[in-house]
Protein backbone atom coordinates (compact mmCIF):
# COMPACT_ATOMS: atom_id res chain seq x y z
CA MET A 1 -6.31 -82.35 18.18
CA ILE A 2 -5.80 -80.43 21.41
CA PRO A 3 -7.47 -82.50 24.20
CA LEU A 4 -7.59 -79.81 26.96
CA VAL A 5 -6.94 -82.50 29.57
CA GLU A 6 -3.62 -83.88 30.76
CA PRO A 7 -2.94 -86.69 28.25
CA ASN A 8 -1.46 -90.01 29.31
CA SER A 9 1.40 -91.63 27.38
CA GLU A 10 -0.98 -93.69 25.23
CA MET A 11 -2.92 -90.64 24.17
CA VAL A 12 0.25 -88.70 23.37
CA GLN A 13 1.27 -91.47 20.97
CA LEU A 14 -2.23 -91.59 19.48
CA LEU A 15 -2.13 -87.84 18.89
CA ARG A 16 1.18 -88.17 17.03
CA ASP A 17 -0.07 -91.08 14.93
CA TYR A 18 -3.34 -89.32 14.18
CA LYS A 19 -1.61 -86.14 13.02
CA ARG A 20 0.70 -88.16 10.79
CA VAL A 21 -2.15 -90.11 9.18
CA CYS A 22 -4.23 -86.94 8.69
CA GLN A 23 -1.32 -85.45 6.77
CA MET A 24 -1.10 -88.58 4.61
CA VAL A 25 -4.85 -88.47 3.92
CA SER A 26 -4.72 -84.81 2.88
CA GLU A 27 -1.71 -85.37 0.61
CA LYS A 28 -2.17 -88.87 -0.83
CA MET A 29 -5.92 -89.54 -0.95
CA PRO A 30 -7.41 -89.14 -4.46
CA VAL A 31 -9.80 -86.51 -3.16
CA ARG A 32 -10.53 -83.01 -4.40
CA TRP A 33 -10.59 -80.62 -1.46
CA LEU A 34 -12.81 -77.55 -1.95
CA ASP A 35 -12.65 -74.17 -0.22
CA TRP A 36 -15.72 -73.29 1.87
CA HIS A 37 -16.09 -69.92 3.52
CA SER A 38 -18.16 -68.99 6.55
CA SER A 39 -20.93 -66.45 5.95
CA GLY A 40 -20.07 -64.48 9.06
CA THR A 41 -20.90 -66.54 12.13
CA ASN A 42 -18.11 -68.34 13.99
CA ASP A 43 -20.28 -71.46 14.53
CA LEU A 44 -19.83 -73.90 11.63
CA LEU A 45 -23.04 -75.81 12.36
CA ALA A 46 -25.17 -72.67 12.52
CA ASP A 47 -23.45 -71.50 9.34
CA GLY A 48 -24.74 -74.43 7.32
CA LEU A 49 -21.81 -76.82 7.29
CA PRO A 50 -22.85 -79.58 4.82
CA PRO A 51 -23.86 -82.70 6.79
CA ASP A 52 -21.94 -84.98 4.40
CA ALA A 53 -18.74 -82.93 4.57
CA ILE A 54 -15.28 -84.09 5.49
CA VAL A 55 -13.45 -81.11 6.96
CA PHE A 56 -9.69 -80.60 6.64
CA ILE A 57 -8.21 -77.77 8.73
CA GLY A 58 -5.31 -76.18 6.89
CA SER A 59 -4.59 -73.69 9.66
CA GLY A 60 -6.35 -72.41 12.74
CA SER A 61 -8.62 -74.26 15.13
CA VAL A 62 -12.19 -75.38 15.73
CA GLU A 63 -13.47 -75.71 19.30
CA VAL A 64 -15.86 -78.60 19.96
CA MET A 65 -18.29 -77.36 22.61
CA GLN A 66 -21.21 -78.96 24.41
CA GLY A 67 -23.29 -76.41 26.25
CA ASP A 68 -20.82 -73.91 27.66
CA LYS A 69 -17.95 -76.40 27.98
CA THR A 70 -15.14 -76.85 25.50
CA LEU A 71 -14.43 -80.59 25.15
CA TYR A 72 -11.44 -80.41 22.83
CA CYS A 73 -10.16 -78.58 19.76
CA TRP A 74 -9.35 -79.61 16.23
CA ASP A 75 -6.28 -77.76 14.97
CA ASP A 76 -3.81 -77.53 12.06
CA GLY A 77 -3.86 -80.63 9.88
CA ASP A 78 -6.82 -82.37 11.56
CA ILE A 79 -9.68 -84.02 9.67
CA PHE A 80 -13.18 -84.65 11.00
CA LEU A 81 -16.66 -85.58 9.75
CA ALA A 82 -19.42 -82.98 10.00
CA ALA A 83 -22.03 -85.73 10.50
CA ASP A 84 -20.46 -86.66 13.86
CA PHE A 85 -21.62 -83.32 15.26
CA ILE A 86 -24.72 -82.39 13.26
CA ALA A 87 -26.65 -85.38 14.62
CA SER A 88 -26.83 -83.80 18.10
CA ALA A 89 -27.91 -80.35 16.96
CA GLY A 90 -31.64 -81.01 17.54
CA ASP A 91 -31.30 -81.65 21.29
CA GLU A 92 -30.55 -78.42 23.12
CA SER A 93 -29.22 -80.23 26.20
CA LEU A 94 -26.75 -82.19 24.05
CA ALA A 95 -26.27 -79.63 21.30
CA THR A 96 -22.73 -79.44 19.97
CA ARG A 97 -21.19 -76.28 18.59
CA LEU A 98 -18.13 -76.02 16.36
CA LEU A 99 -16.62 -72.60 16.98
CA LEU A 100 -13.90 -71.13 14.80
CA GLY A 101 -10.82 -70.00 16.71
CA GLY A 102 -9.59 -66.77 15.12
CA GLU A 103 -8.37 -66.97 11.53
CA THR A 104 -9.17 -70.54 10.51
CA ASP A 105 -8.71 -71.82 6.97
CA PHE A 106 -10.27 -75.13 6.05
CA LYS A 107 -11.38 -77.17 3.07
CA LEU A 108 -14.19 -79.63 2.51
CA ALA A 109 -14.75 -82.84 0.59
CA LYS A 110 -18.00 -84.79 0.18
CA ILE A 111 -18.21 -88.20 1.84
CA SER A 112 -19.78 -89.65 -1.31
CA ASN A 113 -16.90 -88.40 -3.47
CA VAL A 114 -14.34 -89.80 -1.03
CA HIS A 115 -16.00 -93.20 -0.97
CA ASP A 116 -16.14 -93.29 -4.78
CA ALA A 117 -12.42 -92.45 -4.91
CA ILE A 118 -11.21 -94.94 -2.33
CA ALA A 119 -13.38 -97.73 -3.75
CA LYS A 120 -11.10 -97.72 -6.80
CA ASP A 121 -7.84 -97.56 -4.83
CA PRO A 122 -7.01 -100.29 -2.26
CA ASP A 123 -4.17 -98.22 -0.77
CA ALA A 124 -6.48 -95.24 -0.30
CA MET A 125 -9.10 -97.50 1.31
CA LYS A 126 -6.50 -98.82 3.74
CA LEU A 127 -5.36 -95.30 4.59
CA TRP A 128 -8.93 -94.13 5.17
CA GLN A 129 -9.65 -97.09 7.44
CA GLN A 130 -6.47 -96.34 9.39
CA TRP A 131 -7.60 -92.72 9.85
CA ALA A 132 -11.07 -93.78 11.02
CA SER A 133 -9.64 -96.32 13.49
CA LEU A 134 -7.20 -93.81 14.98
CA GLN A 135 -9.90 -91.19 15.38
CA ARG A 136 -12.20 -93.63 17.21
CA ARG A 137 -9.39 -94.67 19.54
CA LEU A 138 -8.40 -91.07 20.14
CA LEU A 139 -11.94 -89.97 21.01
CA ASN A 140 -12.43 -93.01 23.26
CA GLN A 141 -9.23 -92.10 25.13
CA LEU A 142 -10.44 -88.52 25.45
CA ILE A 143 -13.79 -89.61 26.89
CA ALA A 144 -12.01 -91.87 29.39
CA LEU A 145 -9.79 -89.01 30.56
CA LEU A 146 -12.74 -86.62 30.84
CA VAL A 147 -14.71 -88.95 33.12
CA GLN A 148 -11.74 -90.42 35.00
CA SER A 149 -11.89 -87.83 37.75
CA GLU A 150 -14.73 -85.69 39.08
CA GLU A 151 -12.32 -82.89 39.92
CA ARG A 152 -11.06 -81.54 36.64
CA PRO A 153 -9.83 -78.04 35.80
CA SER A 154 -11.82 -76.35 33.06
CA PRO A 155 -9.12 -74.48 31.16
CA GLY A 156 -9.91 -72.02 28.45
CA PHE A 157 -8.43 -72.32 24.99
CA MET A 158 -6.97 -69.35 23.18
CA ARG A 159 -5.30 -68.98 19.81
CA TYR A 160 -2.85 -66.17 19.14
CA ASN A 161 -1.32 -64.97 15.89
CA ASP A 162 2.26 -63.83 15.38
CA GLY A 163 3.07 -60.85 17.60
CA ASP A 164 -0.13 -61.04 19.69
CA VAL A 165 0.38 -60.30 23.39
CA ILE A 166 -0.55 -63.23 25.63
CA ILE A 167 0.22 -61.48 28.93
CA HIS A 168 1.18 -57.87 29.63
CA GLU A 169 3.90 -56.68 31.96
CA ASN A 170 2.44 -55.24 35.23
CA ASP A 171 -0.99 -56.84 34.68
CA ILE A 172 -2.76 -58.53 37.62
CA SER A 173 -1.86 -62.24 37.75
CA ASP A 174 -5.00 -64.37 37.64
CA SER A 175 -4.14 -67.26 35.28
CA VAL A 176 -1.44 -69.77 34.37
CA TYR A 177 -0.65 -70.56 30.74
CA THR A 178 0.63 -73.54 28.79
CA ILE A 179 1.65 -73.46 25.13
CA MET A 180 0.06 -76.49 23.50
CA ASP A 181 1.32 -75.68 20.03
CA GLY A 182 3.77 -73.01 18.92
CA ALA A 183 6.22 -70.80 20.79
CA ALA A 184 6.44 -67.35 22.40
CA ASP A 185 8.98 -64.67 23.32
CA VAL A 186 9.46 -62.96 26.69
CA PHE A 187 10.11 -59.22 26.95
CA VAL A 188 11.00 -56.96 29.88
CA ASN A 189 10.78 -53.22 29.26
CA GLY A 190 10.60 -53.96 25.54
CA VAL A 191 13.80 -56.06 25.50
CA LYS A 192 13.60 -59.74 24.61
CA VAL A 193 14.95 -61.76 27.54
CA GLY A 194 13.76 -65.29 26.85
CA GLU A 195 11.69 -67.78 24.91
CA ILE A 196 8.87 -70.19 25.78
CA ALA A 197 8.66 -73.49 23.95
CA GLN A 198 5.81 -75.89 23.29
CA GLU A 199 4.32 -77.56 26.43
CA GLU A 200 6.02 -75.05 28.76
CA ILE A 201 4.02 -73.54 31.63
CA PHE A 202 4.41 -69.80 32.19
CA GLY A 203 2.82 -67.11 34.33
CA ALA A 204 2.86 -69.36 37.39
CA ILE A 205 5.41 -67.43 39.47
CA ALA A 206 3.26 -64.31 39.63
CA VAL A 207 0.17 -66.38 40.45
CA LEU A 208 1.96 -68.26 43.25
CA THR A 209 3.46 -65.09 44.76
CA GLY A 210 0.48 -62.79 44.20
CA GLN A 211 2.64 -60.28 42.33
CA ARG A 212 1.85 -58.49 39.10
CA ARG A 213 3.28 -59.76 35.81
CA THR A 214 6.99 -59.10 35.56
CA ALA A 215 7.22 -59.56 31.79
CA THR A 216 5.30 -59.39 28.53
CA VAL A 217 4.85 -62.58 26.51
CA LYS A 218 4.17 -62.42 22.77
CA ALA A 219 3.28 -65.24 20.38
CA ARG A 220 5.95 -66.18 17.86
CA GLY A 221 3.93 -67.38 14.91
CA ALA A 222 0.54 -69.07 15.41
CA CYS A 223 0.22 -70.19 18.99
CA ASN A 224 -2.38 -72.36 20.81
CA VAL A 225 -2.52 -71.72 24.56
CA LEU A 226 -4.34 -73.29 27.50
CA VAL A 227 -5.41 -70.82 30.20
CA VAL A 228 -6.04 -72.11 33.73
CA SER A 229 -7.47 -69.81 36.40
CA GLN A 230 -5.65 -69.14 39.66
CA THR A 231 -8.15 -71.22 41.67
CA GLU A 232 -8.05 -74.17 39.26
CA PHE A 233 -4.26 -74.07 39.22
CA ALA A 234 -4.16 -74.18 43.03
CA ASN A 235 -6.44 -77.25 42.95
CA MET A 236 -4.19 -78.92 40.40
CA VAL A 237 -1.11 -78.32 42.56
CA ASN A 238 -2.89 -79.76 45.62
CA THR A 239 -4.17 -82.87 43.82
CA HIS A 240 -1.09 -83.43 41.64
CA PRO A 241 2.01 -82.57 43.75
CA HIS A 242 4.33 -83.94 41.04
CA LEU A 243 3.08 -81.10 38.83
CA PHE A 244 4.31 -78.58 41.40
CA MET A 245 7.76 -80.21 41.61
CA ASN A 246 8.10 -80.19 37.82
CA LEU A 247 7.01 -76.57 37.77
CA VAL A 248 9.58 -75.56 40.41
CA GLN A 249 12.33 -77.26 38.38
CA ASP A 250 11.23 -75.46 35.21
CA MET A 251 11.07 -72.13 37.03
CA ALA A 252 14.59 -72.62 38.42
CA LYS A 253 15.93 -73.30 34.92
CA ASN A 254 14.08 -70.26 33.55
CA ILE A 255 15.46 -68.00 36.29
CA VAL A 256 19.03 -69.13 35.55
CA ALA A 257 18.51 -68.58 31.82
CA LEU A 258 16.94 -65.17 32.45
CA ASN A 259 19.83 -64.09 34.67
CA GLU A 260 22.32 -65.15 32.01
CA ARG A 261 20.37 -63.22 29.39
CA VAL A 262 20.21 -60.07 31.52
CA VAL A 263 23.94 -60.28 32.22
CA SER A 264 24.76 -60.71 28.54
CA LEU A 265 22.63 -57.68 27.65
CA SER A 266 24.24 -55.53 30.36
CA GLY A 267 27.78 -56.60 29.47
CA ALA A 268 28.52 -57.39 33.11
CA ASN A 269 30.74 -60.26 34.24
CA ILE A 270 29.84 -62.51 37.12
CA PRO A 271 31.67 -65.55 38.51
CA ALA A 272 30.42 -68.95 37.39
CA THR A 273 28.21 -70.75 39.90
CA ARG A 274 28.33 -74.40 40.81
């Protein structure tokens, strides 16, 4: 799961545990997973997702939206129950949508089939109960974080495939980005000058200085990215000053690494700094 809010330490641990248990369920549960293909729409509920389906996401992402707001995203390796979302489809004001993010591959199992299988296997029953408990705790934590503060940024969620351009050199700077899952490469004039790892913030320097983008950033493999607008980022800096200090430290490290990279590419020699 990608929560789209700043997780606390408890939620970070829950996310790790949940991902681990989802993997165990998909590999060790005596369940037959079946392929199910969308008929063309990117909304699973509108596309007739079976109400008794258990959905396993092999790759890609599914945005959970209420109205025009994205609450969170299921991503690679996650498991969820279709019934948890179909129940709200009749109320327009509370209607939930499950939107596919790009190329998403997933498989389904029937709840009845799963229950029949785990009823005969105590270890499978225990694993299923562990999954259900972790998901409840994770969603409760998410709800608490969403309502904890009235002033929350509303970041957008984007998924990029290998080689996709996230930002272009010389573009106007209007957003700040964070890689939630994956990695990216940085290019200047077509030459690779750096890398961006998971959970790193990038694009902030141009936003803070009002300059155009000084580099192109391309996804390396599948990449999930949070996009925060310039205004929302300014609000975050004002309300969370520690975020700004961490960002300055990261930018300083990136500038040093970039300078070293440029020097190595040019073949120049400079004295070591202290």
